[in-house]
Amino acid sequence: MIIVTVLLTIAVAILAVRIDFIEKKAEIANENMKILDANIRSIRKDNELLSDEYDNLFKSIKQELVISDAELKSYGYPDKPEVSD
């Protein structure tokens, strides 16, 4: 009977240690998930800012590339290009 009691005590001690280990791992995993969530939000915000900045840059480049009609006339181009069939 003493052997059974000792074995049960050892088994309970091992289970307690494993449960404590699992709880600690779960807490660490929960903290890591919070960090990952914050990183994902930060990346999304950066992506939105970069998209807006890219759009503004693209618009400014497009405006710089467009030549006004007056400037075209100064180079000797006609008002409207001739189109042949």
N, C-alpha and C. Protein backbone atom coordinates (compact mmCIF):
# COMPACT_ATOMS: atom_id res chain seq x y z
N MET A 1 0.81 -1.19 0.00
CA MET A 1 0.00 0.00 0.00
C MET A 1 0.86 1.27 0.00
N ILE A 2 1.98 1.19 0.68
CA ILE A 2 2.89 2.33 0.75
C ILE A 2 3.45 2.61 -0.65
N ILE A 3 3.75 1.58 -1.41
CA ILE A 3 4.30 1.74 -2.75
C ILE A 3 3.29 2.44 -3.65
N VAL A 4 2.03 2.05 -3.57
CA VAL A 4 0.99 2.67 -4.38
C VAL A 4 0.85 4.15 -4.02
N THR A 5 0.91 4.47 -2.75
CA THR A 5 0.80 5.86 -2.30
C THR A 5 1.98 6.68 -2.81
N VAL A 6 3.17 6.12 -2.74
CA VAL A 6 4.36 6.82 -3.23
C VAL A 6 4.27 7.05 -4.74
N LEU A 7 3.85 6.02 -5.46
CA LEU A 7 3.72 6.17 -6.91
C LEU A 7 2.65 7.20 -7.28
N LEU A 8 1.53 7.19 -6.56
CA LEU A 8 0.49 8.19 -6.81
C LEU A 8 1.00 9.60 -6.49
N THR A 9 1.76 9.76 -5.44
CA THR A 9 2.32 11.06 -5.08
C THR A 9 3.28 11.54 -6.16
N ILE A 10 4.10 10.64 -6.67
CA ILE A 10 5.04 11.00 -7.75
C ILE A 10 4.26 11.39 -9.00
N ALA A 11 3.22 10.64 -9.33
CA ALA A 11 2.42 10.93 -10.52
C ALA A 11 1.74 12.30 -10.39
N VAL A 12 1.20 12.59 -9.22
CA VAL A 12 0.55 13.88 -8.99
C VAL A 12 1.57 15.01 -9.10
N ALA A 13 2.77 14.81 -8.57
CA ALA A 13 3.82 15.83 -8.65
C ALA A 13 4.23 16.08 -10.10
N ILE A 14 4.36 15.01 -10.88
CA ILE A 14 4.73 15.14 -12.29
C ILE A 14 3.62 15.88 -13.04
N LEU A 15 2.37 15.54 -12.79
CA LEU A 15 1.25 16.22 -13.45
C LEU A 15 1.20 17.70 -13.07
N ALA A 16 1.46 18.01 -11.81
CA ALA A 16 1.45 19.41 -11.37
C ALA A 16 2.54 20.21 -12.09
N VAL A 17 3.71 19.60 -12.24
CA VAL A 17 4.80 20.28 -12.93
C VAL A 17 4.44 20.48 -14.40
N ARG A 18 3.87 19.48 -15.02
CA ARG A 18 3.49 19.60 -16.43
C ARG A 18 2.40 20.64 -16.64
N ILE A 19 1.41 20.67 -15.75
CA ILE A 19 0.34 21.66 -15.86
C ILE A 19 0.91 23.06 -15.70
N ASP A 20 1.81 23.25 -14.74
CA ASP A 20 2.43 24.56 -14.56
C ASP A 20 3.22 24.95 -15.80
N PHE A 21 3.96 24.01 -16.39
CA PHE A 21 4.73 24.27 -17.59
C PHE A 21 3.81 24.67 -18.75
N ILE A 22 2.71 23.95 -18.89
CA ILE A 22 1.76 24.24 -19.97
C ILE A 22 1.13 25.62 -19.76
N GLU A 23 0.79 25.97 -18.52
CA GLU A 23 0.22 27.29 -18.24
C GLU A 23 1.21 28.40 -18.59
N LYS A 24 2.48 28.21 -18.26
CA LYS A 24 3.49 29.22 -18.59
C LYS A 24 3.64 29.37 -20.11
N LYS A 25 3.64 28.25 -20.80
CA LYS A 25 3.73 28.30 -22.27
C LYS A 25 2.51 29.00 -22.86
N ALA A 26 1.34 28.77 -22.30
CA ALA A 26 0.12 29.42 -22.79
C ALA A 26 0.20 30.93 -22.56
N GLU A 27 0.72 31.37 -21.43
CA GLU A 27 0.87 32.80 -21.16
C GLU A 27 1.85 33.43 -22.15
N ILE A 28 2.95 32.75 -22.41
CA ILE A 28 3.94 33.26 -23.37
C ILE A 28 3.33 33.33 -24.76
N ALA A 29 2.58 32.31 -25.14
CA ALA A 29 1.93 32.30 -26.46
C ALA A 29 0.92 33.44 -26.56
N ASN A 30 0.18 33.70 -25.49
CA ASN A 30 -0.79 34.80 -25.49
C ASN A 30 -0.09 36.14 -25.66
N GLU A 31 1.01 36.35 -24.97
CA GLU A 31 1.78 37.59 -25.11
C GLU A 31 2.34 37.72 -26.53
N ASN A 32 2.81 36.62 -27.08
CA ASN A 32 3.33 36.65 -28.45
C ASN A 32 2.23 37.00 -29.45
N MET A 33 1.03 36.49 -29.23
CA MET A 33 -0.09 36.81 -30.12
C MET A 33 -0.42 38.30 -30.05
N LYS A 34 -0.36 38.89 -28.83
CA LYS A 34 -0.61 40.32 -28.70
C LYS A 34 0.45 41.12 -29.45
N ILE A 35 1.69 40.71 -29.35
CA ILE A 35 2.78 41.40 -30.06
C ILE A 35 2.59 41.28 -31.57
N LEU A 36 2.24 40.08 -32.04
CA LEU A 36 2.00 39.87 -33.47
C LEU A 36 0.83 40.72 -33.96
N ASP A 37 -0.23 40.81 -33.17
CA ASP A 37 -1.38 41.62 -33.55
C ASP A 37 -0.98 43.09 -33.67
N ALA A 38 -0.18 43.58 -32.72
CA ALA A 38 0.28 44.97 -32.79
C ALA A 38 1.16 45.19 -34.01
N ASN A 39 2.01 44.23 -34.32
CA ASN A 39 2.88 44.34 -35.51
C ASN A 39 2.06 44.35 -36.80
N ILE A 40 1.05 43.51 -36.87
CA ILE A 40 0.20 43.46 -38.06
C ILE A 40 -0.52 44.79 -38.25
N ARG A 41 -1.03 45.37 -37.15
CA ARG A 41 -1.70 46.67 -37.24
C ARG A 41 -0.73 47.74 -37.71
N SER A 42 0.49 47.70 -37.21
CA SER A 42 1.50 48.68 -37.60
C SER A 42 1.84 48.54 -39.07
N ILE A 43 1.98 47.32 -39.54
CA ILE A 43 2.30 47.07 -40.95
C ILE A 43 1.16 47.56 -41.84
N ARG A 44 -0.08 47.32 -41.44
CA ARG A 44 -1.23 47.79 -42.23
C ARG A 44 -1.25 49.32 -42.30
N LYS A 45 -0.98 49.97 -41.16
CA LYS A 45 -0.95 51.43 -41.15
C LYS A 45 0.17 51.96 -42.05
N ASP A 46 1.35 51.35 -41.95
CA ASP A 46 2.47 51.75 -42.81
C ASP A 46 2.13 51.54 -44.28
N ASN A 47 1.45 50.44 -44.58
CA ASN A 47 1.06 50.14 -45.95
C ASN A 47 0.10 51.20 -46.48
N GLU A 48 -0.86 51.61 -45.66
CA GLU A 48 -1.79 52.65 -46.08
C GLU A 48 -1.06 53.97 -46.34
N LEU A 49 -0.14 54.31 -45.43
CA LEU A 49 0.62 55.55 -45.61
C LEU A 49 1.46 55.51 -46.88
N LEU A 50 2.10 54.37 -47.12
CA LEU A 50 2.92 54.23 -48.32
C LEU A 50 2.07 54.27 -49.58
N SER A 51 0.89 53.66 -49.53
CA SER A 51 0.00 53.70 -50.69
C SER A 51 -0.42 55.13 -51.00
N ASP A 52 -0.77 55.88 -49.95
CA ASP A 52 -1.15 57.28 -50.17
C ASP A 52 0.02 58.08 -50.72
N GLU A 53 1.20 57.84 -50.17
CA GLU A 53 2.39 58.56 -50.64
C GLU A 53 2.70 58.19 -52.09
N TYR A 54 2.56 56.93 -52.44
CA TYR A 54 2.80 56.48 -53.82
C TYR A 54 1.79 57.14 -54.76
N ASP A 55 0.52 57.17 -54.34
CA ASP A 55 -0.50 57.79 -55.19
C ASP A 55 -0.18 59.27 -55.43
N ASN A 56 0.21 59.97 -54.38
CA ASN A 56 0.55 61.39 -54.53
C ASN A 56 1.76 61.58 -55.44
N LEU A 57 2.76 60.73 -55.28
CA LEU A 57 3.95 60.81 -56.11
C LEU A 57 3.60 60.53 -57.58
N PHE A 58 2.78 59.51 -57.80
CA PHE A 58 2.37 59.16 -59.17
C PHE A 58 1.61 60.30 -59.81
N LYS A 59 0.71 60.93 -59.05
CA LYS A 59 -0.06 62.06 -59.58
C LYS A 59 0.86 63.22 -59.93
N SER A 60 1.84 63.50 -59.06
CA SER A 60 2.73 64.63 -59.33
C SER A 60 3.61 64.35 -60.55
N ILE A 61 4.08 63.11 -60.70
CA ILE A 61 4.89 62.76 -61.87
C ILE A 61 4.04 62.86 -63.14
N LYS A 62 2.81 62.40 -63.06
CA LYS A 62 1.91 62.45 -64.21
C LYS A 62 1.65 63.90 -64.61
N GLN A 63 1.47 64.77 -63.63
CA GLN A 63 1.23 66.19 -63.93
C GLN A 63 2.47 66.82 -64.55
N GLU A 64 3.65 66.40 -64.10
CA GLU A 64 4.89 66.95 -64.66
C GLU A 64 5.10 66.51 -66.10
N LEU A 65 4.60 65.33 -66.46
CA LEU A 65 4.81 64.80 -67.80
C LEU A 65 3.83 65.36 -68.83
N VAL A 66 2.70 65.90 -68.37
CA VAL A 66 1.70 66.44 -69.28
C VAL A 66 2.18 67.81 -69.76
N ILE A 67 2.18 67.99 -71.07
CA ILE A 67 2.59 69.26 -71.68
C ILE A 67 1.35 70.02 -72.11
N SER A 68 1.29 71.26 -71.73
CA SER A 68 0.11 72.07 -72.06
C SER A 68 0.06 72.34 -73.56
N ASP A 69 -1.16 72.72 -74.04
CA ASP A 69 -1.34 73.05 -75.46
C ASP A 69 -0.48 74.23 -75.87
N ALA A 70 -0.38 75.23 -75.00
CA ALA A 70 0.43 76.41 -75.31
C ALA A 70 1.90 76.03 -75.49
N GLU A 71 2.37 75.13 -74.66
CA GLU A 71 3.76 74.70 -74.78
C GLU A 71 3.97 73.89 -76.06
N LEU A 72 3.00 73.08 -76.41
CA LEU A 72 3.10 72.33 -77.67
C LEU A 72 3.14 73.28 -78.86
N LYS A 73 2.32 74.33 -78.83
CA LYS A 73 2.32 75.31 -79.92
C LYS A 73 3.67 76.00 -80.02
N SER A 74 4.29 76.26 -78.88
CA SER A 74 5.59 76.93 -78.90
C SER A 74 6.64 76.04 -79.56
N TYR A 75 6.43 74.74 -79.53
CA TYR A 75 7.36 73.81 -80.20
C TYR A 75 6.99 73.61 -81.67
N GLY A 76 5.88 74.22 -82.11
CA GLY A 76 5.50 74.13 -83.51
C GLY A 76 4.50 73.03 -83.81
N TYR A 77 3.91 72.42 -82.82
CA TYR A 77 2.90 71.39 -83.06
C TYR A 77 1.56 72.04 -83.34
N PRO A 78 0.72 71.42 -84.18
CA PRO A 78 -0.61 71.97 -84.45
C PRO A 78 -1.53 71.81 -83.23
N ASP A 79 -2.67 72.49 -83.29
CA ASP A 79 -3.62 72.40 -82.17
C ASP A 79 -4.07 70.97 -81.89
N LYS A 80 -4.47 70.31 -82.97
CA LYS A 80 -4.92 68.92 -82.83
C LYS A 80 -4.11 68.08 -83.81
N PRO A 81 -3.68 66.92 -83.37
CA PRO A 81 -2.92 66.08 -84.28
C PRO A 81 -3.80 65.58 -85.43
N GLU A 82 -3.18 65.45 -86.58
CA GLU A 82 -3.91 64.95 -87.74
C GLU A 82 -3.96 63.43 -87.68
N VAL A 83 -5.14 62.92 -87.94
CA VAL A 83 -5.32 61.47 -87.89
C VAL A 83 -5.64 61.00 -89.30
N SER A 84 -4.89 60.03 -89.79
CA SER A 84 -5.15 59.50 -91.13
C SER A 84 -5.80 58.13 -91.00
N ASP A 85 -6.67 57.82 -91.95
CA ASP A 85 -7.38 56.53 -91.92
C ASP A 85 -6.54 55.44 -92.44
